[in-house]
Amino acid sequence: MTPQRAAILAKLADDEEVLFFEPDGLDQAIIGLSLFQPSRAGCVVYDYDKVRAYYLSTGMSEEEADEWIDFNTLGAWMGETTPIVIERI
């Protein structure tokens, strides 16, 4: 278990569950846990630039990484604990 996952899981109550993006290498892009959303449970929060950097480090081109993220990450709905990806401004 990565330190990022361990830190998120340590913050949760015993009856709370969250989802993580796979593979585990994306854990380096975790920046926190959302604490309140009226219509959703808490969710793991990822940084877009760090997610992109991970895919680029696997050998994907910039275009491949952007397409992968758009379709497989941002477009993934896995239920109310689907992770959130933010883009810093």
Protein backbone atom coordinates (compact mmCIF):
# COMPACT_ATOMS: atom_id res chain seq x y z
CA MET A 1 0.00 0.00 0.00
CA THR A 2 1.39 3.40 -0.93
CA PRO A 3 1.78 6.12 1.70
CA GLN A 4 -0.88 8.20 -0.07
CA ARG A 5 -3.46 5.42 0.12
CA ALA A 6 -2.59 4.69 3.72
CA ALA A 7 -3.03 8.36 4.66
CA ILE A 8 -6.45 8.55 2.96
CA LEU A 9 -7.65 5.31 4.55
CA ALA A 10 -6.45 6.43 7.99
CA LYS A 11 -8.65 9.54 7.75
CA LEU A 12 -11.83 7.57 7.03
CA ALA A 13 -14.25 6.13 9.54
CA ASP A 14 -14.51 2.34 9.63
CA ASP A 15 -17.77 2.39 7.66
CA GLU A 16 -16.56 4.76 4.91
CA GLU A 17 -15.19 3.58 1.59
CA VAL A 18 -13.55 5.44 -1.27
CA LEU A 19 -12.32 4.47 -4.70
CA PHE A 20 -8.86 4.99 -6.13
CA PHE A 21 -7.78 5.26 -9.75
CA GLU A 22 -5.61 2.40 -10.94
CA PRO A 23 -2.77 1.64 -11.42
CA ASP A 24 -1.14 2.30 -8.06
CA GLY A 25 1.35 4.61 -9.81
CA LEU A 26 -1.39 7.23 -9.94
CA ASP A 27 -1.24 7.46 -6.15
CA GLN A 28 1.58 9.99 -6.63
CA ALA A 29 -1.09 12.34 -8.00
CA ILE A 30 -3.30 12.17 -4.87
CA ILE A 31 -3.53 15.53 -3.16
CA GLY A 32 -6.25 14.90 -0.63
CA LEU A 33 -9.72 13.80 0.30
CA SER A 34 -12.91 15.77 -0.28
CA LEU A 35 -14.69 16.22 3.02
CA PHE A 36 -18.11 17.54 2.09
CA GLN A 37 -20.30 17.37 -0.96
CA PRO A 38 -24.05 17.55 -0.41
CA SER A 39 -24.84 15.01 -3.11
CA ARG A 40 -21.79 12.75 -2.80
CA ALA A 41 -19.71 10.93 -0.23
CA GLY A 42 -16.08 11.83 0.40
CA CYS A 43 -13.80 11.18 -2.56
CA VAL A 44 -10.09 10.88 -3.23
CA VAL A 45 -8.82 14.02 -4.99
CA TYR A 46 -6.16 13.90 -7.71
CA ASP A 47 -4.15 16.69 -9.34
CA TYR A 48 -4.63 16.73 -13.14
CA ASP A 49 -1.04 17.78 -13.90
CA LYS A 50 0.32 14.98 -11.72
CA VAL A 51 -1.99 12.42 -13.37
CA ARG A 52 -0.78 13.62 -16.77
CA ALA A 53 2.86 13.47 -15.65
CA TYR A 54 2.34 9.86 -14.56
CA TYR A 55 1.04 8.82 -17.97
CA LEU A 56 3.81 10.70 -19.75
CA SER A 57 6.33 8.83 -17.57
CA THR A 58 4.94 5.53 -18.87
CA GLY A 59 5.98 6.45 -22.41
CA MET A 60 2.72 7.90 -23.70
CA SER A 61 2.95 10.92 -25.97
CA GLU A 62 1.25 14.12 -24.82
CA GLU A 63 -1.67 13.44 -27.17
CA GLU A 64 -2.03 9.84 -25.99
CA ALA A 65 -1.91 10.89 -22.35
CA ASP A 66 -4.52 13.62 -22.86
CA GLU A 67 -6.86 11.26 -24.72
CA TRP A 68 -6.41 8.51 -22.10
CA ILE A 69 -7.15 10.91 -19.25
CA ASP A 70 -10.18 12.44 -20.97
CA PHE A 71 -11.79 9.09 -21.75
CA ASN A 72 -10.61 6.69 -19.03
CA THR A 73 -10.09 8.97 -16.06
CA LEU A 74 -12.30 12.05 -16.35
CA GLY A 75 -14.95 10.04 -18.14
CA ALA A 76 -15.04 7.24 -15.57
CA TRP A 77 -18.11 7.15 -13.33
CA MET A 78 -17.75 4.45 -10.69
CA GLY A 79 -20.46 5.62 -8.32
CA GLU A 80 -20.75 8.32 -5.73
CA THR A 81 -17.20 7.81 -4.48
CA THR A 82 -15.65 8.22 -7.93
CA PRO A 83 -12.42 10.17 -7.45
CA ILE A 84 -12.27 13.85 -8.31
CA VAL A 85 -9.60 15.37 -10.55
CA ILE A 86 -8.82 19.05 -10.15
CA GLU A 87 -6.86 21.40 -12.35
CA ARG A 88 -4.95 24.02 -10.41
CA ILE A 89 -5.21 27.60 -11.62
